[in-house]
Amino acid sequence: MELLPDSFEAHYGLAMAHLRDRNVEDGRRELERAVRELEVAVQHQADLAQGYYQLSRAYSMLGDKEKSAAALAAFDKLKKQEADDNQELMDSLRQEVEAP
């Protein structure tokens, strides 16, 4: 990725293209390319759960259950944090709305 080497979106988008475009003949190679791009993507933006979700899927498709489980655990942790953050925002807004 020469144009945007530090861009989560660029690496994530390229990985999704590799996942979408795989076929019987070069499916494994496309999955391996997707994994490489997703690994770079989550390095650049480690707080986006979607990167870990797709990385877990790609690892699973390659048969690497250990790495798939680790990526899924990272996804789960981020989604729980997101839910907690959303609850805090809701509670704060509720206090503002209900204040006299």
PDB file of N, CA and C in Angstrom:
ATOM      1  N   MET A   1       0.853  -1.169   0.000  1.00  0.00           N
ATOM      2  CA  MET A   1       0.000   0.000   0.000  1.00  0.00           C
ATOM      3  C   MET A   1       0.895   1.227   0.000  1.00  0.00           C
ATOM      4  N   GLU A   2       1.177   1.738  -1.175  1.00  0.00           N
ATOM      5  CA  GLU A   2       2.132   2.832  -1.294  1.00  0.00           C
ATOM      6  C   GLU A   2       1.518   4.197  -1.039  1.00  0.00           C
ATOM      7  N   LEU A   3       0.285   4.426  -1.467  1.00  0.00           N
ATOM      8  CA  LEU A   3      -0.282   5.754  -1.376  1.00  0.00           C
ATOM      9  C   LEU A   3      -0.642   6.157   0.047  1.00  0.00           C
ATOM     10  N   LEU A   4      -1.215   5.273   0.808  1.00  0.00           N
ATOM     11  CA  LEU A   4      -1.667   5.558   2.172  1.00  0.00           C
ATOM     12  C   LEU A   4      -1.191   4.468   3.124  1.00  0.00           C
ATOM     13  N   PRO A   5       0.109   4.403   3.375  1.00  0.00           N
ATOM     14  CA  PRO A   5       0.631   3.283   4.166  1.00  0.00           C
ATOM     15  C   PRO A   5       0.144   3.256   5.613  1.00  0.00           C
ATOM     16  N   ASP A   6      -0.298   4.392   6.149  1.00  0.00           N
ATOM     17  CA  ASP A   6      -0.729   4.453   7.541  1.00  0.00           C
ATOM     18  C   ASP A   6      -2.242   4.535   7.692  1.00  0.00           C
ATOM     19  N   SER A   7      -2.964   4.207   6.654  1.00  0.00           N
ATOM     20  CA  SER A   7      -4.416   4.362   6.667  1.00  0.00           C
ATOM     21  C   SER A   7      -5.124   3.049   6.971  1.00  0.00           C
ATOM     22  N   PHE A   8      -5.863   3.032   8.072  1.00  0.00           N
ATOM     23  CA  PHE A   8      -6.693   1.868   8.396  1.00  0.00           C
ATOM     24  C   PHE A   8      -7.651   1.592   7.248  1.00  0.00           C
ATOM     25  N   GLU A   9      -8.334   2.648   6.786  1.00  0.00           N
ATOM     26  CA  GLU A   9      -9.350   2.486   5.755  1.00  0.00           C
ATOM     27  C   GLU A   9      -8.788   1.871   4.479  1.00  0.00           C
ATOM     28  N   ALA A  10      -7.589   2.300   4.078  1.00  0.00           N
ATOM     29  CA  ALA A  10      -6.991   1.769   2.849  1.00  0.00           C
ATOM     30  C   ALA A  10      -6.674   0.283   2.991  1.00  0.00           C
ATOM     31  N   HIS A  11      -6.047  -0.085   4.088  1.00  0.00           N
ATOM     32  CA  HIS A  11      -5.689  -1.492   4.291  1.00  0.00           C
ATOM     33  C   HIS A  11      -6.941  -2.347   4.494  1.00  0.00           C
ATOM     34  N   TYR A  12      -7.911  -1.818   5.233  1.00  0.00           N
ATOM     35  CA  TYR A  12      -9.153  -2.552   5.475  1.00  0.00           C
ATOM     36  C   TYR A  12      -9.895  -2.766   4.157  1.00  0.00           C
ATOM     37  N   GLY A  13      -9.993  -1.718   3.356  1.00  0.00           N
ATOM     38  CA  GLY A  13     -10.674  -1.821   2.069  1.00  0.00           C
ATOM     39  C   GLY A  13     -10.016  -2.828   1.139  1.00  0.00           C
ATOM     40  N   LEU A  14      -8.690  -2.810   1.105  1.00  0.00           N
ATOM     41  CA  LEU A  14      -7.968  -3.764   0.273  1.00  0.00           C
ATOM     42  C   LEU A  14      -8.188  -5.194   0.772  1.00  0.00           C
ATOM     43  N   ALA A  15      -8.199  -5.367   2.082  1.00  0.00           N
ATOM     44  CA  ALA A  15      -8.449  -6.694   2.651  1.00  0.00           C
ATOM     45  C   ALA A  15      -9.843  -7.185   2.280  1.00  0.00           C
ATOM     46  N   MET A  16     -10.836  -6.299   2.352  1.00  0.00           N
ATOM     47  CA  MET A  16     -12.199  -6.697   2.002  1.00  0.00           C
ATOM     48  C   MET A  16     -12.278  -7.089   0.519  1.00  0.00           C
ATOM     49  N   ALA A  17     -11.525  -6.400  -0.319  1.00  0.00           N
ATOM     50  CA  ALA A  17     -11.492  -6.763  -1.737  1.00  0.00           C
ATOM     51  C   ALA A  17     -10.892  -8.159  -1.921  1.00  0.00           C
ATOM     52  N   HIS A  18      -9.832  -8.450  -1.182  1.00  0.00           N
ATOM     53  CA  HIS A  18      -9.222  -9.789  -1.270  1.00  0.00           C
ATOM     54  C   HIS A  18     -10.204 -10.859  -0.790  1.00  0.00           C
ATOM     55  N   LEU A  19     -10.938 -10.581   0.274  1.00  0.00           N
ATOM     56  CA  LEU A  19     -11.912 -11.555   0.779  1.00  0.00           C
ATOM     57  C   LEU A  19     -13.051 -11.750  -0.219  1.00  0.00           C
ATOM     58  N   ARG A  20     -13.501 -10.679  -0.821  1.00  0.00           N
ATOM     59  CA  ARG A  20     -14.619 -10.740  -1.758  1.00  0.00           C
ATOM     60  C   ARG A  20     -14.236 -11.416  -3.073  1.00  0.00           C
ATOM     61  N   ASP A  21     -13.004 -11.178  -3.531  1.00  0.00           N
ATOM     62  CA  ASP A  21     -12.601 -11.627  -4.860  1.00  0.00           C
ATOM     63  C   ASP A  21     -11.936 -12.997  -4.892  1.00  0.00           C
ATOM     64  N   ARG A  22     -11.869 -13.674  -3.773  1.00  0.00           N
ATOM     65  CA  ARG A  22     -11.199 -14.972  -3.786  1.00  0.00           C
ATOM     66  C   ARG A  22     -12.039 -15.976  -4.556  1.00  0.00           C
ATOM     67  N   ASN A  23     -11.373 -16.927  -5.173  1.00  0.00           N
ATOM     68  CA  ASN A  23     -12.065 -18.004  -5.880  1.00  0.00           C
ATOM     69  C   ASN A  23     -11.336 -19.308  -5.599  1.00  0.00           C
ATOM     70  N   VAL A  24     -11.815 -20.379  -6.180  1.00  0.00           N
ATOM     71  CA  VAL A  24     -11.255 -21.704  -5.890  1.00  0.00           C
ATOM     72  C   VAL A  24      -9.776 -21.766  -6.235  1.00  0.00           C
ATOM     73  N   GLU A  25      -9.382 -21.186  -7.349  1.00  0.00           N
ATOM     74  CA  GLU A  25      -8.005 -21.309  -7.811  1.00  0.00           C
ATOM     75  C   GLU A  25      -7.003 -20.554  -6.933  1.00  0.00           C
ATOM     76  N   ASP A  26      -7.370 -19.355  -6.499  1.00  0.00           N
ATOM     77  CA  ASP A  26      -6.396 -18.581  -5.723  1.00  0.00           C
ATOM     78  C   ASP A  26      -6.974 -18.128  -4.388  1.00  0.00           C
ATOM     79  N   GLY A  27      -7.929 -18.867  -3.887  1.00  0.00           N
ATOM     80  CA  GLY A  27      -8.593 -18.501  -2.646  1.00  0.00           C
ATOM     81  C   GLY A  27      -7.664 -18.361  -1.460  1.00  0.00           C
ATOM     82  N   ARG A  28      -6.774 -19.307  -1.257  1.00  0.00           N
ATOM     83  CA  ARG A  28      -5.860 -19.239  -0.113  1.00  0.00           C
ATOM     84  C   ARG A  28      -4.936 -18.040  -0.231  1.00  0.00           C
ATOM     85  N   ARG A  29      -4.429 -17.790  -1.412  1.00  0.00           N
ATOM     86  CA  ARG A  29      -3.538 -16.645  -1.606  1.00  0.00           C
ATOM     87  C   ARG A  29      -4.270 -15.333  -1.303  1.00  0.00           C
ATOM     88  N   GLU A  30      -5.513 -15.223  -1.737  1.00  0.00           N
ATOM     89  CA  GLU A  30      -6.293 -14.012  -1.458  1.00  0.00           C
ATOM     90  C   GLU A  30      -6.570 -13.870   0.036  1.00  0.00           C
ATOM     91  N   LEU A  31      -6.858 -14.981   0.711  1.00  0.00           N
ATOM     92  CA  LEU A  31      -7.062 -14.936   2.159  1.00  0.00           C
ATOM     93  C   LEU A  31      -5.790 -14.489   2.876  1.00  0.00           C
ATOM     94  N   GLU A  32      -4.651 -15.004   2.443  1.00  0.00           N
ATOM     95  CA  GLU A  32      -3.382 -14.613   3.061  1.00  0.00           C
ATOM     96  C   GLU A  32      -3.114 -13.120   2.841  1.00  0.00           C
ATOM     97  N   ARG A  33      -3.446 -12.626   1.658  1.00  0.00           N
ATOM     98  CA  ARG A  33      -3.297 -11.190   1.388  1.00  0.00           C
ATOM     99  C   ARG A  33      -4.236 -10.383   2.283  1.00  0.00           C
ATOM    100  N   ALA A  34      -5.459 -10.865   2.432  1.00  0.00           N
ATOM    101  CA  ALA A  34      -6.424 -10.179   3.297  1.00  0.00           C
ATOM    102  C   ALA A  34      -5.906 -10.125   4.730  1.00  0.00           C
ATOM    103  N   VAL A  35      -5.360 -11.234   5.211  1.00  0.00           N
ATOM    104  CA  VAL A  35      -4.824 -11.264   6.575  1.00  0.00           C
ATOM    105  C   VAL A  35      -3.702 -10.244   6.729  1.00  0.00           C
ATOM    106  N   ARG A  36      -2.791 -10.189   5.759  1.00  0.00           N
ATOM    107  CA  ARG A  36      -1.691  -9.217   5.844  1.00  0.00           C
ATOM    108  C   ARG A  36      -2.220  -7.789   5.925  1.00  0.00           C
ATOM    109  N   GLU A  37      -3.188  -7.466   5.087  1.00  0.00           N
ATOM    110  CA  GLU A  37      -3.747  -6.118   5.089  1.00  0.00           C
ATOM    111  C   GLU A  37      -4.493  -5.814   6.384  1.00  0.00           C
ATOM    112  N   LEU A  38      -5.240  -6.792   6.887  1.00  0.00           N
ATOM    113  CA  LEU A  38      -5.971  -6.584   8.136  1.00  0.00           C
ATOM    114  C   LEU A  38      -5.026  -6.441   9.323  1.00  0.00           C
ATOM    115  N   GLU A  39      -3.937  -7.197   9.321  1.00  0.00           N
ATOM    116  CA  GLU A  39      -2.952  -7.061  10.400  1.00  0.00           C
ATOM    117  C   GLU A  39      -2.368  -5.647  10.414  1.00  0.00           C
ATOM    118  N   VAL A  40      -2.086  -5.113   9.241  1.00  0.00           N
ATOM    119  CA  VAL A  40      -1.585  -3.741   9.154  1.00  0.00           C
ATOM    120  C   VAL A  40      -2.672  -2.757   9.576  1.00  0.00           C
ATOM    121  N   ALA A  41      -3.892  -2.982   9.117  1.00  0.00           N
ATOM    122  CA  ALA A  41      -4.998  -2.082   9.445  1.00  0.00           C
ATOM    123  C   ALA A  41      -5.192  -1.955  10.951  1.00  0.00           C
ATOM    124  N   VAL A  42      -5.207  -3.080  11.668  1.00  0.00           N
ATOM    125  CA  VAL A  42      -5.439  -2.999  13.115  1.00  0.00           C
ATOM    126  C   VAL A  42      -4.233  -2.432  13.856  1.00  0.00           C
ATOM    127  N   GLN A  43      -3.064  -2.481  13.252  1.00  0.00           N
ATOM    128  CA  GLN A  43      -1.917  -1.809  13.859  1.00  0.00           C
ATOM    129  C   GLN A  43      -2.101  -0.295  13.803  1.00  0.00           C
ATOM    130  N   HIS A  44      -2.714   0.185  12.735  1.00  0.00           N
ATOM    131  CA  HIS A  44      -2.895   1.620  12.560  1.00  0.00           C
ATOM    132  C   HIS A  44      -4.090   2.167  13.320  1.00  0.00           C
ATOM    133  N   GLN A  45      -5.080   1.345  13.580  1.00  0.00           N
ATOM    134  CA  GLN A  45      -6.251   1.792  14.321  1.00  0.00           C
ATOM    135  C   GLN A  45      -6.782   0.624  15.137  1.00  0.00           C
ATOM    136  N   ALA A  46      -6.108   0.394  16.247  1.00  0.00           N
ATOM    137  CA  ALA A  46      -6.384  -0.783  17.065  1.00  0.00           C
ATOM    138  C   ALA A  46      -7.697  -0.695  17.833  1.00  0.00           C
ATOM    139  N   ASP A  47      -8.372   0.457  17.788  1.00  0.00           N
ATOM    140  CA  ASP A  47      -9.607   0.595  18.546  1.00  0.00           C
ATOM    141  C   ASP A  47     -10.868   0.387  17.706  1.00  0.00           C
ATOM    142  N   LEU A  48     -10.714  -0.067  16.478  1.00  0.00           N
ATOM    143  CA  LEU A  48     -11.879  -0.336  15.636  1.00  0.00           C
ATOM    144  C   LEU A  48     -12.155  -1.837  15.594  1.00  0.00           C
ATOM    145  N   ALA A  49     -13.253  -2.201  16.175  1.00  0.00           N
ATOM    146  CA  ALA A  49     -13.612  -3.617  16.316  1.00  0.00           C
ATOM    147  C   ALA A  49     -13.752  -4.329  14.979  1.00  0.00           C
ATOM    148  N   GLN A  50     -14.257  -3.639  13.963  1.00  0.00           N
ATOM    149  CA  GLN A  50     -14.515  -4.306  12.684  1.00  0.00           C
ATOM    150  C   GLN A  50     -13.264  -4.929  12.088  1.00  0.00           C
ATOM    151  N   GLY A  51     -12.111  -4.321  12.304  1.00  0.00           N
ATOM    152  CA  GLY A  51     -10.869  -4.889  11.795  1.00  0.00           C
ATOM    153  C   GLY A  51     -10.571  -6.240  12.421  1.00  0.00           C
ATOM    154  N   TYR A  52     -10.779  -6.339  13.731  1.00  0.00           N
ATOM    155  CA  TYR A  52     -10.541  -7.602  14.424  1.00  0.00           C
ATOM    156  C   TYR A  52     -11.569  -8.655  14.056  1.00  0.00           C
ATOM    157  N   TYR A  53     -12.800  -8.235  13.826  1.00  0.00           N
ATOM    158  CA  TYR A  53     -13.836  -9.177  13.414  1.00  0.00           C
ATOM    159  C   TYR A  53     -13.463  -9.823  12.081  1.00  0.00           C
ATOM    160  N   GLN A  54     -13.106  -8.990  11.105  1.00  0.00           N
ATOM    161  CA  GLN A  54     -12.745  -9.517   9.793  1.00  0.00           C
ATOM    162  C   GLN A  54     -11.457 -10.334   9.853  1.00  0.00           C
ATOM    163  N   LEU A  55     -10.519  -9.919  10.688  1.00  0.00           N
ATOM    164  CA  LEU A  55      -9.280 -10.669  10.861  1.00  0.00           C
ATOM    165  C   LEU A  55      -9.576 -12.049  11.442  1.00  0.00           C
ATOM    166  N   SER A  56     -10.482 -12.107  12.401  1.00  0.00           N
ATOM    167  CA  SER A  56     -10.874 -13.392  12.977  1.00  0.00           C
ATOM    168  C   SER A  56     -11.496 -14.293  11.910  1.00  0.00           C
ATOM    169  N   ARG A  57     -12.360 -13.726  11.079  1.00  0.00           N
ATOM    170  CA  ARG A  57     -12.983 -14.500   9.998  1.00  0.00           C
ATOM    171  C   ARG A  57     -11.929 -15.041   9.035  1.00  0.00           C
ATOM    172  N   ALA A  58     -10.998 -14.173   8.631  1.00  0.00           N
ATOM    173  CA  ALA A  58      -9.978 -14.587   7.663  1.00  0.00           C
ATOM    174  C   ALA A  58      -9.081 -15.678   8.247  1.00  0.00           C
ATOM    175  N   TYR A  59      -8.657 -15.512   9.495  1.00  0.00           N
ATOM    176  CA  TYR A  59      -7.848 -16.554  10.137  1.00  0.00           C
ATOM    177  C   TYR A  59      -8.619 -17.874  10.183  1.00  0.00           C
ATOM    178  N   SER A  60      -9.897 -17.793  10.507  1.00  0.00           N
ATOM    179  CA  SER A  60     -10.709 -18.998  10.580  1.00  0.00           C
ATOM    180  C   SER A  60     -10.791 -19.686   9.222  1.00  0.00           C
ATOM    181  N   MET A  61     -10.978 -18.903   8.173  1.00  0.00           N
ATOM    182  CA  MET A  61     -11.044 -19.474   6.829  1.00  0.00           C
ATOM    183  C   MET A  61      -9.734 -20.132   6.426  1.00  0.00           C
ATOM    184  N   LEU A  62      -8.624 -19.631   6.991  1.00  0.00           N
ATOM    185  CA  LEU A  62      -7.317 -20.235   6.719  1.00  0.00           C
ATOM    186  C   LEU A  62      -7.052 -21.443   7.621  1.00  0.00           C
ATOM    187  N   GLY A  63      -7.934 -21.661   8.592  1.00  0.00           N
ATOM    188  CA  GLY A  63      -7.768 -22.791   9.498  1.00  0.00           C
ATOM    189  C   GLY A  63      -6.912 -22.499  10.713  1.00  0.00           C
ATOM    190  N   ASP A  64      -6.576 -21.240  10.948  1.00  0.00           N
ATOM    191  CA  ASP A  64      -5.756 -20.863  12.102  1.00  0.00           C
ATOM    192  C   ASP A  64      -6.676 -20.475  13.261  1.00  0.00           C
ATOM    193  N   LYS A  65      -7.159 -21.479  13.964  1.00  0.00           N
ATOM    194  CA  LYS A  65      -8.145 -21.276  15.027  1.00  0.00           C
ATOM    195  C   LYS A  65      -7.588 -20.463  16.194  1.00  0.00           C
ATOM    196  N   GLU A  66      -6.312 -20.621  16.509  1.00  0.00           N
ATOM    197  CA  GLU A  66      -5.718 -19.888  17.633  1.00  0.00           C
ATOM    198  C   GLU A  66      -5.700 -18.381  17.356  1.00  0.00           C
ATOM    199  N   LYS A  67      -5.230 -18.004  16.177  1.00  0.00           N
ATOM    200  CA  LYS A  67      -5.202 -16.580  15.828  1.00  0.00           C
ATOM    201  C   LYS A  67      -6.614 -16.044  15.642  1.00  0.00           C
ATOM    202  N   SER A  68      -7.503 -16.871  15.116  1.00  0.00           N
ATOM    203  CA  SER A  68      -8.896 -16.460  14.964  1.00  0.00           C
ATOM    204  C   SER A  68      -9.507 -16.156  16.327  1.00  0.00           C
ATOM    205  N   ALA A  69      -9.257 -17.015  17.300  1.00  0.00           N
ATOM    206  CA  ALA A  69      -9.793 -16.816  18.650  1.00  0.00           C
ATOM    207  C   ALA A  69      -9.215 -15.554  19.288  1.00  0.00           C
ATOM    208  N   ALA A  70      -7.931 -15.294  19.071  1.00  0.00           N
ATOM    209  CA  ALA A  70      -7.306 -14.095  19.639  1.00  0.00           C
ATOM    210  C   ALA A  70      -7.902 -12.824  19.029  1.00  0.00           C
ATOM    211  N   ALA A  71      -8.102 -12.825  17.724  1.00  0.00           N
ATOM    212  CA  ALA A  71      -8.703 -11.665  17.065  1.00  0.00           C
ATOM    213  C   ALA A  71     -10.148 -11.486  17.510  1.00  0.00           C
ATOM    214  N   LEU A  72     -10.869 -12.592  17.691  1.00  0.00           N
ATOM    215  CA  LEU A  72     -12.244 -12.518  18.154  1.00  0.00           C
ATOM    216  C   LEU A  72     -12.317 -11.983  19.584  1.00  0.00           C
ATOM    217  N   ALA A  73     -11.363 -12.360  20.420  1.00  0.00           N
ATOM    218  CA  ALA A  73     -11.314 -11.838  21.790  1.00  0.00           C
ATOM    219  C   ALA A  73     -11.074 -10.323  21.777  1.00  0.00           C
ATOM    220  N   ALA A  74     -10.200  -9.852  20.892  1.00  0.00           N
ATOM    221  CA  ALA A  74      -9.951  -8.412  20.770  1.00  0.00           C
ATOM    222  C   ALA A  74     -11.221  -7.703  20.298  1.00  0.00           C
ATOM    223  N   PHE A  75     -11.917  -8.299  19.332  1.00  0.00           N
ATOM    224  CA  PHE A  75     -13.180  -7.745  18.851  1.00  0.00           C
ATOM    225  C   PHE A  75     -14.183  -7.645  19.996  1.00  0.00           C
ATOM    226  N   ASP A  76     -14.342  -8.724  20.743  1.00  0.00           N
ATOM    227  CA  ASP A  76     -15.302  -8.766  21.846  1.00  0.00           C
ATOM    228  C   ASP A  76     -14.975  -7.706  22.895  1.00  0.00           C
ATOM    229  N   LYS A  77     -13.714  -7.566  23.228  1.00  0.00           N
ATOM    230  CA  LYS A  77     -13.293  -6.569  24.222  1.00  0.00           C
ATOM    231  C   LYS A  77     -13.642  -5.157  23.752  1.00  0.00           C
ATOM    232  N   LEU A  78     -13.377  -4.879  22.486  1.00  0.00           N
ATOM    233  CA  LEU A  78     -13.674  -3.544  21.947  1.00  0.00           C
ATOM    234  C   LEU A  78     -15.180  -3.289  21.898  1.00  0.00           C
ATOM    235  N   LYS A  79     -15.961  -4.289  21.531  1.00  0.00           N
ATOM    236  CA  LYS A  79     -17.411  -4.116  21.485  1.00  0.00           C
ATOM    237  C   LYS A  79     -17.984  -3.884  22.885  1.00  0.00           C
ATOM    238  N   LYS A  80     -17.436  -4.565  23.877  1.00  0.00           N
ATOM    239  CA  LYS A  80     -17.899  -4.348  25.255  1.00  0.00           C
ATOM    240  C   LYS A  80     -17.541  -2.941  25.723  1.00  0.00           C
ATOM    241  N   GLN A  81     -16.331  -2.490  25.376  1.00  0.00           N
ATOM    242  CA  GLN A  81     -15.922  -1.135  25.744  1.00  0.00           C
ATOM    243  C   GLN A  81     -16.820  -0.106  25.056  1.00  0.00           C
ATOM    244  N   GLU A  82     -17.142  -0.366  23.800  1.00  0.00           N
ATOM    245  CA  GLU A  82     -18.034   0.518  23.057  1.00  0.00           C
ATOM    246  C   GLU A  82     -19.410   0.584  23.720  1.00  0.00           C
ATOM    247  N   ALA A  83     -19.917  -0.550  24.158  1.00  0.00           N
ATOM    248  CA  ALA A  83     -21.212  -0.591  24.833  1.00  0.00           C
ATOM    249  C   ALA A  83     -21.151   0.184  26.146  1.00  0.00           C
ATOM    250  N   ASP A  84     -20.072   0.013  26.897  1.00  0.00           N
ATOM    251  CA  ASP A  84     -19.907   0.747  28.155  1.00  0.00           C
ATOM    252  C   ASP A  84     -19.848   2.253  27.898  1.00  0.00           C
ATOM    253  N   ASP A  85     -19.102   2.650  26.875  1.00  0.00           N
ATOM    254  CA  ASP A  85     -18.985   4.073  26.535  1.00  0.00           C
ATOM    255  C   ASP A  85     -20.344   4.639  26.140  1.00  0.00           C
ATOM    256  N   ASN A  86     -21.096   3.879  25.357  1.00  0.00           N
ATOM    257  CA  ASN A  86     -22.428   4.322  24.946  1.00  0.00           C
ATOM    258  C   ASN A  86     -23.359   4.460  26.138  1.00  0.00           C
ATOM    259  N   GLN A  87     -23.249   3.545  27.092  1.00  0.00           N
ATOM    260  CA  GLN A  87     -24.090   3.617  28.282  1.00  0.00           C
ATOM    261  C   GLN A  87     -23.750   4.858  29.099  1.00  0.00           C
ATOM    262  N   GLU A  88     -22.471   5.159  29.215  1.00  0.00           N
ATOM    263  CA  GLU A  88     -22.063   6.370  29.935  1.00  0.00           C
ATOM    264  C   GLU A  88     -22.628   7.619  29.272  1.00  0.00           C
ATOM    265  N   LEU A  89     -22.590   7.663  27.956  1.00  0.00           N
ATOM    266  CA  LEU A  89     -23.146   8.804  27.235  1.00  0.00           C
ATOM    267  C   LEU A  89     -24.654   8.913  27.449  1.00  0.00           C
ATOM    268  N   MET A  90     -25.345   7.784  27.402  1.00  0.00           N
ATOM    269  CA  MET A  90     -26.787   7.776  27.633  1.00  0.00           C
ATOM    270  C   MET A  90     -27.118   8.260  29.042  1.00  0.00           C
ATOM    271  N   ASP A  91     -26.362   7.772  30.028  1.00  0.00           N
ATOM    272  CA  ASP A  91     -26.601   8.181  31.411  1.00  0.00           C
ATOM    273  C   ASP A  91     -26.374   9.676  31.581  1.00  0.00           C
ATOM    274  N   SER A  92     -25.329  10.193  30.961  1.00  0.00           N
ATOM    275  CA  SER A  92     -25.018  11.616  31.048  1.00  0.00           C
ATOM    276  C   SER A  92     -26.121  12.451  30.403  1.00  0.00           C
ATOM    277  N   LEU A  93     -26.560  12.029  29.241  1.00  0.00           N
ATOM    278  CA  LEU A  93     -27.626  12.741  28.546  1.00  0.00           C
ATOM    279  C   LEU A  93     -28.927  12.682  29.341  1.00  0.00           C
ATOM    280  N   ARG A  94     -29.217  11.534  29.916  1.00  0.00           N
ATOM    281  CA  ARG A  94     -30.433  11.369  30.714  1.00  0.00           C
ATOM    282  C   ARG A  94     -30.409  12.331  31.907  1.00  0.00           C
ATOM    283  N   GLN A  95     -29.254  12.482  32.545  1.00  0.00           N
ATOM    284  CA  GLN A  95     -29.141  13.408  33.672  1.00  0.00           C
ATOM    285  C   GLN A  95     -29.384  14.840  33.231  1.00  0.00           C
ATOM    286  N   GLU A  96     -28.870  15.199  32.057  1.00  0.00           N
ATOM    287  CA  GLU A  96     -29.092  16.544  31.532  1.00  0.00           C
ATOM    288  C   GLU A  96     -30.562  16.789  31.235  1.00  0.00           C
ATOM    289  N   VAL A  97     -31.221  15.821  30.640  1.00  0.00           N
ATOM    290  CA  VAL A  97     -32.615  15.962  30.265  1.00  0.00           C
ATOM    291  C   VAL A  97     -33.513  16.023  31.491  1.00  0.00           C
ATOM    292  N   GLU A  98     -33.184  15.247  32.495  1.00  0.00           N
ATOM    293  CA  GLU A  98     -34.018  15.168  33.689  1.00  0.00           C
ATOM    294  C   GLU A  98     -33.693  16.228  34.731  1.00  0.00           C
ATOM    295  N   ALA A  99     -32.635  16.993  34.528  1.00  0.00           N
ATOM    296  CA  ALA A  99     -32.247  18.025  35.490  1.00  0.00           C
ATOM    297  C   ALA A  99     -33.303  19.128  35.503  1.00  0.00           C
ATOM    298  N   PRO A 100     -33.570  19.685  36.701  1.00  0.00           N
ATOM    299  CA  PRO A 100     -34.588  20.751  36.810  1.00  0.00           C
ATOM    300  C   PRO A 100     -34.178  22.029  36.090  1.00  0.00           C
TER     301      PRO A 100
END
